[in-house]
PDB file of all heavy atoms in Angstrom:
ATOM      1  N   ILE A   1      -1.343 -50.709  73.877  1.00  0.00           N
ATOM      2  CA  ILE A   1      -0.367 -51.282  72.941  1.00  0.00           C
ATOM      3  C   ILE A   1      -0.963 -51.383  71.541  1.00  0.00           C
ATOM      4  O   ILE A   1      -0.319 -51.055  70.546  1.00  0.00           O
ATOM      5  CB  ILE A   1       0.120 -52.654  73.447  1.00  0.00           C
ATOM      6  CG1 ILE A   1       0.974 -52.459  74.709  1.00  0.00           C
ATOM      7  CG2 ILE A   1       0.913 -53.391  72.368  1.00  0.00           C
ATOM      8  CD1 ILE A   1       1.310 -53.736  75.434  1.00  0.00           C
ATOM      9  N   TYR A   2      -2.222 -51.821  71.451  1.00  0.00           N
ATOM     10  CA  TYR A   2      -2.890 -51.910  70.148  1.00  0.00           C
ATOM     11  C   TYR A   2      -2.990 -50.524  69.495  1.00  0.00           C
ATOM     12  O   TYR A   2      -2.709 -50.358  68.311  1.00  0.00           O
ATOM     13  CB  TYR A   2      -4.289 -52.517  70.320  1.00  0.00           C
ATOM     14  CG  TYR A   2      -5.098 -52.506  69.057  1.00  0.00           C
ATOM     15  CD1 TYR A   2      -4.834 -53.410  68.037  1.00  0.00           C
ATOM     16  CD2 TYR A   2      -6.114 -51.585  68.860  1.00  0.00           C
ATOM     17  CE1 TYR A   2      -5.566 -53.407  66.863  1.00  0.00           C
ATOM     18  CE2 TYR A   2      -6.848 -51.572  67.699  1.00  0.00           C
ATOM     19  CZ  TYR A   2      -6.576 -52.483  66.707  1.00  0.00           C
ATOM     20  OH  TYR A   2      -7.303 -52.459  65.550  1.00  0.00           O
ATOM     21  N   GLY A   3      -3.364 -49.517  70.282  1.00  0.00           N
ATOM     22  CA  GLY A   3      -3.484 -48.159  69.747  1.00  0.00           C
ATOM     23  C   GLY A   3      -2.163 -47.627  69.231  1.00  0.00           C
ATOM     24  O   GLY A   3      -2.101 -46.998  68.180  1.00  0.00           O
ATOM     25  N   ILE A   4      -1.099 -47.884  69.976  1.00  0.00           N
ATOM     26  CA  ILE A   4       0.225 -47.421  69.550  1.00  0.00           C
ATOM     27  C   ILE A   4       0.638 -48.110  68.248  1.00  0.00           C
ATOM     28  O   ILE A   4       1.143 -47.465  67.333  1.00  0.00           O
ATOM     29  CB  ILE A   4       1.263 -47.648  70.659  1.00  0.00           C
ATOM     30  CG1 ILE A   4       0.996 -46.689  71.823  1.00  0.00           C
ATOM     31  CG2 ILE A   4       2.681 -47.464  70.133  1.00  0.00           C
ATOM     32  CD1 ILE A   4       1.814 -46.964  73.064  1.00  0.00           C
ATOM     33  N   THR A   5       0.413 -49.413  68.146  1.00  0.00           N
ATOM     34  CA  THR A   5       0.811 -50.115  66.917  1.00  0.00           C
ATOM     35  C   THR A   5       0.002 -49.629  65.718  1.00  0.00           C
ATOM     36  O   THR A   5       0.541 -49.517  64.620  1.00  0.00           O
ATOM     37  CB  THR A   5       0.678 -51.638  67.056  1.00  0.00           C
ATOM     38  OG1 THR A   5      -0.653 -51.977  67.438  1.00  0.00           O
ATOM     39  CG2 THR A   5       1.643 -52.187  68.080  1.00  0.00           C
ATOM     40  N   VAL A   6      -1.272 -49.327  65.920  1.00  0.00           N
ATOM     41  CA  VAL A   6      -2.090 -48.815  64.809  1.00  0.00           C
ATOM     42  C   VAL A   6      -1.570 -47.452  64.364  1.00  0.00           C
ATOM     43  O   VAL A   6      -1.448 -47.177  63.173  1.00  0.00           O
ATOM     44  CB  VAL A   6      -3.581 -48.735  65.217  1.00  0.00           C
ATOM     45  CG1 VAL A   6      -4.386 -47.916  64.225  1.00  0.00           C
ATOM     46  CG2 VAL A   6      -4.169 -50.125  65.343  1.00  0.00           C
ATOM     47  N   LEU A   7      -1.247 -46.588  65.321  1.00  0.00           N
ATOM     48  CA  LEU A   7      -0.748 -45.254  64.975  1.00  0.00           C
ATOM     49  C   LEU A   7       0.605 -45.314  64.282  1.00  0.00           C
ATOM     50  O   LEU A   7       0.881 -44.528  63.373  1.00  0.00           O
ATOM     51  CB  LEU A   7      -0.641 -44.395  66.239  1.00  0.00           C
ATOM     52  CG  LEU A   7      -1.963 -43.926  66.837  1.00  0.00           C
ATOM     53  CD1 LEU A   7      -1.719 -43.202  68.152  1.00  0.00           C
ATOM     54  CD2 LEU A   7      -2.712 -43.029  65.872  1.00  0.00           C
ATOM     55  N   VAL A   8       1.451 -46.245  64.693  1.00  0.00           N
ATOM     56  CA  VAL A   8       2.784 -46.347  64.104  1.00  0.00           C
ATOM     57  C   VAL A   8       2.717 -46.940  62.701  1.00  0.00           C
ATOM     58  O   VAL A   8       3.414 -46.504  61.795  1.00  0.00           O
ATOM     59  CB  VAL A   8       3.714 -47.186  65.014  1.00  0.00           C
ATOM     60  CG1 VAL A   8       5.002 -47.548  64.298  1.00  0.00           C
ATOM     61  CG2 VAL A   8       4.009 -46.432  66.301  1.00  0.00           C
ATOM     62  N   ARG A   9       1.861 -47.928  62.496  1.00  0.00           N
ATOM     63  CA  ARG A   9       1.791 -48.601  61.198  1.00  0.00           C
ATOM     64  C   ARG A   9       1.003 -47.821  60.159  1.00  0.00           C
ATOM     65  O   ARG A   9       1.199 -48.007  58.971  1.00  0.00           O
ATOM     66  CB  ARG A   9       1.162 -49.985  61.366  1.00  0.00           C
ATOM     67  CG  ARG A   9       2.047 -50.927  62.149  1.00  0.00           C
ATOM     68  CD  ARG A   9       1.413 -52.254  62.330  1.00  0.00           C
ATOM     69  NE  ARG A   9       1.263 -52.899  61.038  1.00  0.00           N
ATOM     70  CZ  ARG A   9       0.477 -53.939  60.826  1.00  0.00           C
ATOM     71  NH1 ARG A   9      -0.211 -54.442  61.800  1.00  0.00           N
ATOM     72  NH2 ARG A   9       0.402 -54.473  59.632  1.00  0.00           N
ATOM     73  N   LYS A  10       0.101 -46.942  60.568  1.00  0.00           N
ATOM     74  CA  LYS A  10      -0.788 -46.249  59.640  1.00  0.00           C
ATOM     75  C   LYS A  10      -0.045 -45.479  58.542  1.00  0.00           C
ATOM     76  O   LYS A  10      -0.423 -45.567  57.379  1.00  0.00           O
ATOM     77  CB  LYS A  10      -1.730 -45.332  60.399  1.00  0.00           C
ATOM     78  CG  LYS A  10      -2.849 -44.816  59.546  1.00  0.00           C
ATOM     79  CD  LYS A  10      -3.965 -44.296  60.397  1.00  0.00           C
ATOM     80  CE  LYS A  10      -5.149 -44.014  59.543  1.00  0.00           C
ATOM     81  NZ  LYS A  10      -6.232 -44.919  59.741  1.00  0.00           N
ATOM     82  N   PRO A  11       0.996 -44.717  58.849  1.00  0.00           N
ATOM     83  CA  PRO A  11       1.669 -43.988  57.761  1.00  0.00           C
ATOM     84  C   PRO A  11       2.328 -44.902  56.728  1.00  0.00           C
ATOM     85  O   PRO A  11       2.582 -44.494  55.608  1.00  0.00           O
ATOM     86  CB  PRO A  11       2.741 -43.168  58.482  1.00  0.00           C
ATOM     87  CG  PRO A  11       2.330 -43.117  59.901  1.00  0.00           C
ATOM     88  CD  PRO A  11       1.523 -44.348  60.148  1.00  0.00           C
ATOM     89  N   PHE A  12       2.599 -46.150  57.115  1.00  0.00           N
ATOM     90  CA  PHE A  12       3.277 -47.057  56.198  1.00  0.00           C
ATOM     91  C   PHE A  12       2.309 -47.863  55.339  1.00  0.00           C
ATOM     92  O   PHE A  12       2.741 -48.581  54.444  1.00  0.00           O
ATOM     93  CB  PHE A  12       4.191 -48.009  56.980  1.00  0.00           C
ATOM     94  CG  PHE A  12       5.271 -47.279  57.718  1.00  0.00           C
ATOM     95  CD1 PHE A  12       5.213 -47.138  59.087  1.00  0.00           C
ATOM     96  CD2 PHE A  12       6.334 -46.718  57.033  1.00  0.00           C
ATOM     97  CE1 PHE A  12       6.204 -46.449  59.774  1.00  0.00           C
ATOM     98  CE2 PHE A  12       7.328 -46.033  57.706  1.00  0.00           C
ATOM     99  CZ  PHE A  12       7.253 -45.894  59.080  1.00  0.00           C
ATOM    100  N   ASP A  13       1.013 -47.777  55.628  1.00  0.00           N
ATOM    101  CA  ASP A  13       0.033 -48.470  54.799  1.00  0.00           C
ATOM    102  C   ASP A  13       0.024 -47.841  53.411  1.00  0.00           C
ATOM    103  O   ASP A  13       0.015 -46.625  53.267  1.00  0.00           O
ATOM    104  CB  ASP A  13      -1.373 -48.366  55.392  1.00  0.00           C
ATOM    105  CG  ASP A  13      -1.542 -49.201  56.641  1.00  0.00           C
ATOM    106  OD1 ASP A  13      -0.692 -50.086  56.872  1.00  0.00           O
ATOM    107  OD2 ASP A  13      -2.508 -48.974  57.373  1.00  0.00           O
ATOM    108  N   LYS A  14       0.014 -48.702  52.394  1.00  0.00           N
ATOM    109  CA  LYS A  14       0.012 -48.193  51.024  1.00  0.00           C
ATOM    110  C   LYS A  14      -1.399 -47.738  50.679  1.00  0.00           C
ATOM    111  O   LYS A  14      -2.360 -48.485  50.770  1.00  0.00           O
ATOM    112  CB  LYS A  14       0.460 -49.281  50.056  1.00  0.00           C
ATOM    113  CG  LYS A  14       0.583 -48.768  48.652  1.00  0.00           C
ATOM    114  CD  LYS A  14       1.116 -49.789  47.713  1.00  0.00           C
ATOM    115  CE  LYS A  14       1.182 -49.160  46.343  1.00  0.00           C
ATOM    116  NZ  LYS A  14       1.458 -50.072  45.310  1.00  0.00           N
ATOM    117  N   LYS A  15      -1.497 -46.502  50.288  1.00  0.00           N
ATOM    118  CA  LYS A  15      -2.786 -45.944  49.902  1.00  0.00           C
ATOM    119  C   LYS A  15      -2.784 -45.737  48.402  1.00  0.00           C
ATOM    120  O   LYS A  15      -1.869 -45.137  47.850  1.00  0.00           O
ATOM    121  CB  LYS A  15      -3.024 -44.620  50.613  1.00  0.00           C
ATOM    122  CG  LYS A  15      -3.122 -44.779  52.110  1.00  0.00           C
ATOM    123  CD  LYS A  15      -3.304 -43.462  52.776  1.00  0.00           C
ATOM    124  CE  LYS A  15      -3.329 -43.661  54.276  1.00  0.00           C
ATOM    125  NZ  LYS A  15      -3.343 -42.430  54.999  1.00  0.00           N
ATOM    126  N   GLU A  16      -3.816 -46.231  47.765  1.00  0.00           N
ATOM    127  CA  GLU A  16      -3.906 -46.080  46.321  1.00  0.00           C
ATOM    128  C   GLU A  16      -4.454 -44.700  46.001  1.00  0.00           C
ATOM    129  O   GLU A  16      -5.344 -44.191  46.667  1.00  0.00           O
ATOM    130  CB  GLU A  16      -4.821 -47.161  45.743  1.00  0.00           C
ATOM    131  CG  GLU A  16      -4.796 -47.178  44.239  1.00  0.00           C
ATOM    132  CD  GLU A  16      -5.460 -48.414  43.671  1.00  0.00           C
ATOM    133  OE1 GLU A  16      -5.440 -49.445  44.324  1.00  0.00           O
ATOM    134  OE2 GLU A  16      -5.990 -48.303  42.563  1.00  0.00           O
ATOM    135  N   ASP A  17      -3.900 -44.112  44.993  1.00  0.00           N
ATOM    136  CA  ASP A  17      -4.305 -42.789  44.564  1.00  0.00           C
ATOM    137  C   ASP A  17      -5.755 -42.827  44.077  1.00  0.00           C
ATOM    138  O   ASP A  17      -6.151 -43.712  43.325  1.00  0.00           O
ATOM    139  CB  ASP A  17      -3.366 -42.333  43.448  1.00  0.00           C
ATOM    140  CG  ASP A  17      -3.561 -40.886  43.079  1.00  0.00           C
ATOM    141  OD1 ASP A  17      -4.316 -40.180  43.773  1.00  0.00           O
ATOM    142  OD2 ASP A  17      -2.949 -40.455  42.096  1.00  0.00           O
ATOM    143  N   HIS A  18      -6.532 -41.860  44.517  1.00  0.00           N
ATOM    144  CA  HIS A  18      -7.946 -41.791  44.132  1.00  0.00           C
ATOM    145  C   HIS A  18      -8.094 -41.594  42.617  1.00  0.00           C
ATOM    146  O   HIS A  18      -8.997 -42.152  42.001  1.00  0.00           O
ATOM    147  CB  HIS A  18      -8.623 -40.651  44.892  1.00  0.00           C
ATOM    148  CG  HIS A  18     -10.083 -40.531  44.624  1.00  0.00           C
ATOM    149  ND1 HIS A  18     -10.981 -41.497  44.997  1.00  0.00           N
ATOM    150  CD2 HIS A  18     -10.796 -39.568  44.013  1.00  0.00           C
ATOM    151  CE1 HIS A  18     -12.187 -41.123  44.620  1.00  0.00           C
ATOM    152  NE2 HIS A  18     -12.106 -39.960  44.024  1.00  0.00           N
ATOM    153  N   SER A  19      -7.205 -40.826  42.033  1.00  0.00           N
ATOM    154  CA  SER A  19      -7.296 -40.586  40.586  1.00  0.00           C
ATOM    155  C   SER A  19      -7.046 -41.863  39.792  1.00  0.00           C
ATOM    156  O   SER A  19      -7.645 -42.067  38.734  1.00  0.00           O
ATOM    157  CB  SER A  19      -6.316 -39.494  40.161  1.00  0.00           C
ATOM    158  OG  SER A  19      -5.008 -39.824  40.558  1.00  0.00           O
ATOM    159  N   LEU A  20      -6.185 -42.738  40.312  1.00  0.00           N
ATOM    160  CA  LEU A  20      -5.945 -44.012  39.641  1.00  0.00           C
ATOM    161  C   LEU A  20      -7.188 -44.895  39.699  1.00  0.00           C
ATOM    162  O   LEU A  20      -7.518 -45.579  38.729  1.00  0.00           O
ATOM    163  CB  LEU A  20      -4.742 -44.728  40.262  1.00  0.00           C
ATOM    164  CG  LEU A  20      -4.266 -45.994  39.567  1.00  0.00           C
ATOM    165  CD1 LEU A  20      -3.903 -45.714  38.122  1.00  0.00           C
ATOM    166  CD2 LEU A  20      -3.084 -46.585  40.309  1.00  0.00           C
ATOM    167  N   GLN A  21      -7.904 -44.840  40.815  1.00  0.00           N
ATOM    168  CA  GLN A  21      -9.140 -45.611  40.935  1.00  0.00           C
ATOM    169  C   GLN A  21     -10.200 -45.105  39.955  1.00  0.00           C
ATOM    170  O   GLN A  21     -10.910 -45.886  39.332  1.00  0.00           O
ATOM    171  CB  GLN A  21      -9.677 -45.549  42.371  1.00  0.00           C
ATOM    172  CG  GLN A  21     -10.897 -46.414  42.589  1.00  0.00           C
ATOM    173  CD  GLN A  21     -10.645 -47.881  42.289  1.00  0.00           C
ATOM    174  OE1 GLN A  21      -9.641 -48.432  42.709  1.00  0.00           O
ATOM    175  NE2 GLN A  21     -11.542 -48.504  41.555  1.00  0.00           N
ATOM    176  N   ILE A  22     -10.279 -43.802  39.789  1.00  0.00           N
ATOM    177  CA  ILE A  22     -11.214 -43.224  38.812  1.00  0.00           C
ATOM    178  C   ILE A  22     -10.858 -43.698  37.409  1.00  0.00           C
ATOM    179  O   ILE A  22     -11.732 -44.055  36.610  1.00  0.00           O
ATOM    180  CB  ILE A  22     -11.205 -41.685  38.892  1.00  0.00           C
ATOM    181  CG1 ILE A  22     -11.797 -41.230  40.219  1.00  0.00           C
ATOM    182  CG2 ILE A  22     -11.955 -41.066  37.718  1.00  0.00           C
ATOM    183  CD1 ILE A  22     -11.652 -39.746  40.479  1.00  0.00           C
ATOM    184  N   LEU A  23      -9.567 -43.718  37.116  1.00  0.00           N
ATOM    185  CA  LEU A  23      -9.101 -44.176  35.803  1.00  0.00           C
ATOM    186  C   LEU A  23      -9.485 -45.636  35.568  1.00  0.00           C
ATOM    187  O   LEU A  23      -9.956 -46.000  34.482  1.00  0.00           O
ATOM    188  CB  LEU A  23      -7.594 -43.977  35.712  1.00  0.00           C
ATOM    189  CG  LEU A  23      -6.948 -44.100  34.347  1.00  0.00           C
ATOM    190  CD1 LEU A  23      -7.531 -43.080  33.384  1.00  0.00           C
ATOM    191  CD2 LEU A  23      -5.442 -43.922  34.471  1.00  0.00           C
ATOM    192  N   LYS A  24      -9.319 -46.468  36.580  1.00  0.00           N
ATOM    193  CA  LYS A  24      -9.711 -47.882  36.467  1.00  0.00           C
ATOM    194  C   LYS A  24     -11.212 -48.019  36.236  1.00  0.00           C
ATOM    195  O   LYS A  24     -11.652 -48.846  35.437  1.00  0.00           O
ATOM    196  CB  LYS A  24      -9.319 -48.644  37.739  1.00  0.00           C
ATOM    197  CG  LYS A  24      -7.841 -48.877  37.884  1.00  0.00           C
ATOM    198  CD  LYS A  24      -7.545 -49.608  39.181  1.00  0.00           C
ATOM    199  CE  LYS A  24      -6.071 -49.818  39.376  1.00  0.00           C
ATOM    200  NZ  LYS A  24      -5.775 -50.497  40.656  1.00  0.00           N
ATOM    201  N   ASP A  25     -11.985 -47.211  36.940  1.00  0.00           N
ATOM    202  CA  ASP A  25     -13.440 -47.250  36.761  1.00  0.00           C
ATOM    203  C   ASP A  25     -13.835 -46.847  35.348  1.00  0.00           C
ATOM    204  O   ASP A  25     -14.723 -47.459  34.746  1.00  0.00           O
ATOM    205  CB  ASP A  25     -14.134 -46.321  37.775  1.00  0.00           C
ATOM    206  CG  ASP A  25     -14.020 -46.822  39.205  1.00  0.00           C
ATOM    207  OD1 ASP A  25     -13.705 -48.020  39.411  1.00  0.00           O
ATOM    208  OD2 ASP A  25     -14.237 -46.004  40.126  1.00  0.00           O
ATOM    209  N   ARG A  26     -13.177 -45.829  34.818  1.00  0.00           N
ATOM    210  CA  ARG A  26     -13.482 -45.392  33.453  1.00  0.00           C
ATOM    211  C   ARG A  26     -13.162 -46.485  32.436  1.00  0.00           C
ATOM    212  O   ARG A  26     -13.904 -46.673  31.472  1.00  0.00           O
ATOM    213  CB  ARG A  26     -12.715 -44.113  33.122  1.00  0.00           C
ATOM    214  CG  ARG A  26     -13.244 -42.891  33.885  1.00  0.00           C
ATOM    215  CD  ARG A  26     -12.571 -41.634  33.464  1.00  0.00           C
ATOM    216  NE  ARG A  26     -12.873 -41.353  32.065  1.00  0.00           N
ATOM    217  CZ  ARG A  26     -12.144 -40.541  31.302  1.00  0.00           C
ATOM    218  NH1 ARG A  26     -11.081 -39.949  31.790  1.00  0.00           N
ATOM    219  NH2 ARG A  26     -12.488 -40.341  30.050  1.00  0.00           N
ATOM    220  N   LEU A  27     -12.055 -47.194  32.664  1.00  0.00           N
ATOM    221  CA  LEU A  27     -11.694 -48.305  31.776  1.00  0.00           C
ATOM    222  C   LEU A  27     -12.746 -49.408  31.866  1.00  0.00           C
ATOM    223  O   LEU A  27     -13.188 -49.947  30.845  1.00  0.00           O
ATOM    224  CB  LEU A  27     -10.311 -48.858  32.129  1.00  0.00           C
ATOM    225  CG  LEU A  27      -9.844 -50.075  31.329  1.00  0.00           C
ATOM    226  CD1 LEU A  27      -9.657 -49.702  29.859  1.00  0.00           C
ATOM    227  CD2 LEU A  27      -8.566 -50.640  31.907  1.00  0.00           C
ATOM    228  N   ALA A  28     -13.175 -49.716  33.086  1.00  0.00           N
ATOM    229  CA  ALA A  28     -14.164 -50.775  33.289  1.00  0.00           C
ATOM    230  C   ALA A  28     -15.507 -50.417  32.649  1.00  0.00           C
ATOM    231  O   ALA A  28     -16.199 -51.290  32.142  1.00  0.00           O
ATOM    232  CB  ALA A  28     -14.353 -51.032  34.783  1.00  0.00           C
ATOM    233  N   LYS A  29     -15.856 -49.150  32.649  1.00  0.00           N
ATOM    234  CA  LYS A  29     -17.122 -48.709  32.053  1.00  0.00           C
ATOM    235  C   LYS A  29     -17.043 -48.588  30.533  1.00  0.00           C
ATOM    236  O   LYS A  29     -18.057 -48.408  29.873  1.00  0.00           O
ATOM    237  CB  LYS A  29     -17.530 -47.347  32.622  1.00  0.00           C
ATOM    238  CG  LYS A  29     -17.936 -47.392  34.067  1.00  0.00           C
ATOM    239  CD  LYS A  29     -18.245 -45.992  34.559  1.00  0.00           C
ATOM    240  CE  LYS A  29     -18.539 -45.979  36.035  1.00  0.00           C
ATOM    241  NZ  LYS A  29     -18.776 -44.617  36.541  1.00  0.00           N
ATOM    242  N   GLY A  30     -15.824 -48.656  30.004  1.00  0.00           N
ATOM    243  CA  GLY A  30     -15.658 -48.545  28.559  1.00  0.00           C
ATOM    244  C   GLY A  30     -15.554 -47.115  28.074  1.00  0.00           C
ATOM    245  O   GLY A  30     -15.639 -46.863  26.874  1.00  0.00           O
ATOM    246  N   GLU A  31     -15.376 -46.173  28.990  1.00  0.00           N
ATOM    247  CA  GLU A  31     -15.270 -44.767  28.600  1.00  0.00           C
ATOM    248  C   GLU A  31     -13.932 -44.478  27.925  1.00  0.00           C
ATOM    249  O   GLU A  31     -13.843 -43.549  27.112  1.00  0.00           O
ATOM    250  CB  GLU A  31     -15.432 -43.869  29.832  1.00  0.00           C
ATOM    251  CG  GLU A  31     -16.813 -43.944  30.450  1.00  0.00           C
ATOM    252  CD  GLU A  31     -16.916 -43.141  31.737  1.00  0.00           C
ATOM    253  OE1 GLU A  31     -15.923 -42.500  32.142  1.00  0.00           O
ATOM    254  OE2 GLU A  31     -18.004 -43.157  32.335  1.00  0.00           O
ATOM    255  N   ILE A  32     -12.900 -45.242  28.270  1.00  0.00           N
ATOM    256  CA  ILE A  32     -11.586 -45.089  27.639  1.00  0.00           C
ATOM    257  C   ILE A  32     -11.097 -46.472  27.229  1.00  0.00           C
ATOM    258  O   ILE A  32     -11.519 -47.489  27.782  1.00  0.00           O
ATOM    259  CB  ILE A  32     -10.560 -44.409  28.579  1.00  0.00           C
ATOM    260  CG1 ILE A  32     -10.382 -45.214  29.870  1.00  0.00           C
ATOM    261  CG2 ILE A  32     -10.954 -42.977  28.882  1.00  0.00           C
ATOM    262  CD1 ILE A  32      -9.292 -44.677  30.783  1.00  0.00           C
ATOM    263  N   ASP A  33     -10.203 -46.500  26.234  1.00  0.00           N
ATOM    264  CA  ASP A  33      -9.653 -47.790  25.817  1.00  0.00           C
ATOM    265  C   ASP A  33      -8.371 -48.084  26.597  1.00  0.00           C
ATOM    266  O   ASP A  33      -7.895 -47.262  27.387  1.00  0.00           O
ATOM    267  CB  ASP A  33      -9.421 -47.824  24.305  1.00  0.00           C
ATOM    268  CG  ASP A  33      -8.414 -46.783  23.842  1.00  0.00           C
ATOM    269  OD1 ASP A  33      -7.830 -46.083  24.679  1.00  0.00           O
ATOM    270  OD2 ASP A  33      -8.213 -46.680  22.618  1.00  0.00           O
ATOM    271  N   GLU A  34      -7.808 -49.249  26.346  1.00  0.00           N
ATOM    272  CA  GLU A  34      -6.644 -49.694  27.113  1.00  0.00           C
ATOM    273  C   GLU A  34      -5.414 -48.811  26.867  1.00  0.00           C
ATOM    274  O   GLU A  34      -4.648 -48.538  27.787  1.00  0.00           O
ATOM    275  CB  GLU A  34      -6.325 -51.147  26.774  1.00  0.00           C
ATOM    276  CG  GLU A  34      -5.345 -51.770  27.725  1.00  0.00           C
ATOM    277  CD  GLU A  34      -5.203 -53.264  27.527  1.00  0.00           C
ATOM    278  OE1 GLU A  34      -6.032 -53.878  26.832  1.00  0.00           O
ATOM    279  OE2 GLU A  34      -4.233 -53.810  28.071  1.00  0.00           O
ATOM    280  N   LYS A  35      -5.248 -48.345  25.621  1.00  0.00           N
ATOM    281  CA  LYS A  35      -4.101 -47.488  25.318  1.00  0.00           C
ATOM    282  C   LYS A  35      -4.200 -46.179  26.086  1.00  0.00           C
ATOM    283  O   LYS A  35      -3.221 -45.734  26.706  1.00  0.00           O
ATOM    284  CB  LYS A  35      -4.009 -47.215  23.823  1.00  0.00           C
ATOM    285  CG  LYS A  35      -2.807 -46.341  23.477  1.00  0.00           C
ATOM    286  CD  LYS A  35      -2.754 -45.993  22.019  1.00  0.00           C
ATOM    287  CE  LYS A  35      -1.582 -45.154  21.625  1.00  0.00           C
ATOM    288  NZ  LYS A  35      -1.038 -44.241  22.597  1.00  0.00           N
ATOM    289  N   GLU A  36      -5.370 -45.571  26.074  1.00  0.00           N
ATOM    290  CA  GLU A  36      -5.557 -44.310  26.803  1.00  0.00           C
ATOM    291  C   GLU A  36      -5.373 -44.538  28.313  1.00  0.00           C
ATOM    292  O   GLU A  36      -4.777 -43.716  28.999  1.00  0.00           O
ATOM    293  CB  GLU A  36      -6.943 -43.735  26.519  1.00  0.00           C
ATOM    294  CG  GLU A  36      -7.153 -42.359  27.109  1.00  0.00           C
ATOM    295  CD  GLU A  36      -8.495 -41.747  26.736  1.00  0.00           C
ATOM    296  OE1 GLU A  36      -9.261 -42.376  25.971  1.00  0.00           O
ATOM    297  OE2 GLU A  36      -8.759 -40.635  27.215  1.00  0.00           O
ATOM    298  N   TYR A  37      -5.864 -45.678  28.802  1.00  0.00           N
ATOM    299  CA  TYR A  37      -5.691 -46.023  30.214  1.00  0.00           C
ATOM    300  C   TYR A  37      -4.209 -46.099  30.574  1.00  0.00           C
ATOM    301  O   TYR A  37      -3.763 -45.510  31.558  1.00  0.00           O
ATOM    302  CB  TYR A  37      -6.385 -47.349  30.526  1.00  0.00           C
ATOM    303  CG  TYR A  37      -6.026 -47.913  31.881  1.00  0.00           C
ATOM    304  CD1 TYR A  37      -6.641 -47.432  33.029  1.00  0.00           C
ATOM    305  CD2 TYR A  37      -5.069 -48.915  32.022  1.00  0.00           C
ATOM    306  CE1 TYR A  37      -6.306 -47.930  34.286  1.00  0.00           C
ATOM    307  CE2 TYR A  37      -4.728 -49.415  33.258  1.00  0.00           C
ATOM    308  CZ  TYR A  37      -5.356 -48.931  34.391  1.00  0.00           C
ATOM    309  OH  TYR A  37      -5.011 -49.429  35.622  1.00  0.00           O
ATOM    310  N   ASN A  38      -3.443 -46.839  29.759  1.00  0.00           N
ATOM    311  CA  ASN A  38      -2.011 -47.000  30.035  1.00  0.00           C
ATOM    312  C   ASN A  38      -1.262 -45.676  29.951  1.00  0.00           C
ATOM    313  O   ASN A  38      -0.355 -45.420  30.749  1.00  0.00           O
ATOM    314  CB  ASN A  38      -1.398 -48.034  29.081  1.00  0.00           C
ATOM    315  CG  ASN A  38      -1.847 -49.433  29.411  1.00  0.00           C
ATOM    316  OD1 ASN A  38      -2.107 -49.767  30.565  1.00  0.00           O
ATOM    317  ND2 ASN A  38      -1.964 -50.277  28.403  1.00  0.00           N
ATOM    318  N   ASP A  39      -1.622 -44.836  28.986  1.00  0.00           N
ATOM    319  CA  ASP A  39      -0.977 -43.525  28.863  1.00  0.00           C
ATOM    320  C   ASP A  39      -1.238 -42.661  30.097  1.00  0.00           C
ATOM    321  O   ASP A  39      -0.317 -42.085  30.682  1.00  0.00           O
ATOM    322  CB  ASP A  39      -1.473 -42.794  27.612  1.00  0.00           C
ATOM    323  CG  ASP A  39      -1.029 -43.469  26.318  1.00  0.00           C
ATOM    324  OD1 ASP A  39      -0.081 -44.298  26.375  1.00  0.00           O
ATOM    325  OD2 ASP A  39      -1.623 -43.178  25.265  1.00  0.00           O
ATOM    326  N   LYS A  40      -2.494 -42.591  30.500  1.00  0.00           N
ATOM    327  CA  LYS A  40      -2.858 -41.765  31.649  1.00  0.00           C
ATOM    328  C   LYS A  40      -2.304 -42.349  32.954  1.00  0.00           C
ATOM    329  O   LYS A  40      -1.892 -41.615  33.844  1.00  0.00           O
ATOM    330  CB  LYS A  40      -4.372 -41.602  31.738  1.00  0.00           C
ATOM    331  CG  LYS A  40      -4.936 -40.760  30.609  1.00  0.00           C
ATOM    332  CD  LYS A  40      -6.428 -40.604  30.723  1.00  0.00           C
ATOM    333  CE  LYS A  40      -7.026 -39.917  29.534  1.00  0.00           C
ATOM    334  NZ  LYS A  40      -6.920 -38.475  29.547  1.00  0.00           N
ATOM    335  N   ARG A  41      -2.269 -43.659  33.036  1.00  0.00           N
ATOM    336  CA  ARG A  41      -1.715 -44.321  34.225  1.00  0.00           C
ATOM    337  C   ARG A  41      -0.230 -44.003  34.360  1.00  0.00           C
ATOM    338  O   ARG A  41       0.268 -43.731  35.453  1.00  0.00           O
ATOM    339  CB  ARG A  41      -1.936 -45.823  34.133  1.00  0.00           C
ATOM    340  CG  ARG A  41      -1.441 -46.586  35.332  1.00  0.00           C
ATOM    341  CD  ARG A  41      -1.829 -48.067  35.203  1.00  0.00           C
ATOM    342  NE  ARG A  41      -1.192 -48.828  36.230  1.00  0.00           N
ATOM    343  CZ  ARG A  41      -0.054 -49.500  36.092  1.00  0.00           C
ATOM    344  NH1 ARG A  41       0.554 -49.514  34.915  1.00  0.00           N
ATOM    345  NH2 ARG A  41       0.473 -50.160  37.092  1.00  0.00           N
TER     346      ARG A  41
END
């Protein structure tokens, strides 16, 4: 029952885009400013 529920719920889990995470990291490191972050986001 646990295995079935995990398999059924997995496609509905929200996955964050990897490129968005890279963009957040660049903002945190100061490589881009907030305006550039918002535009690219």
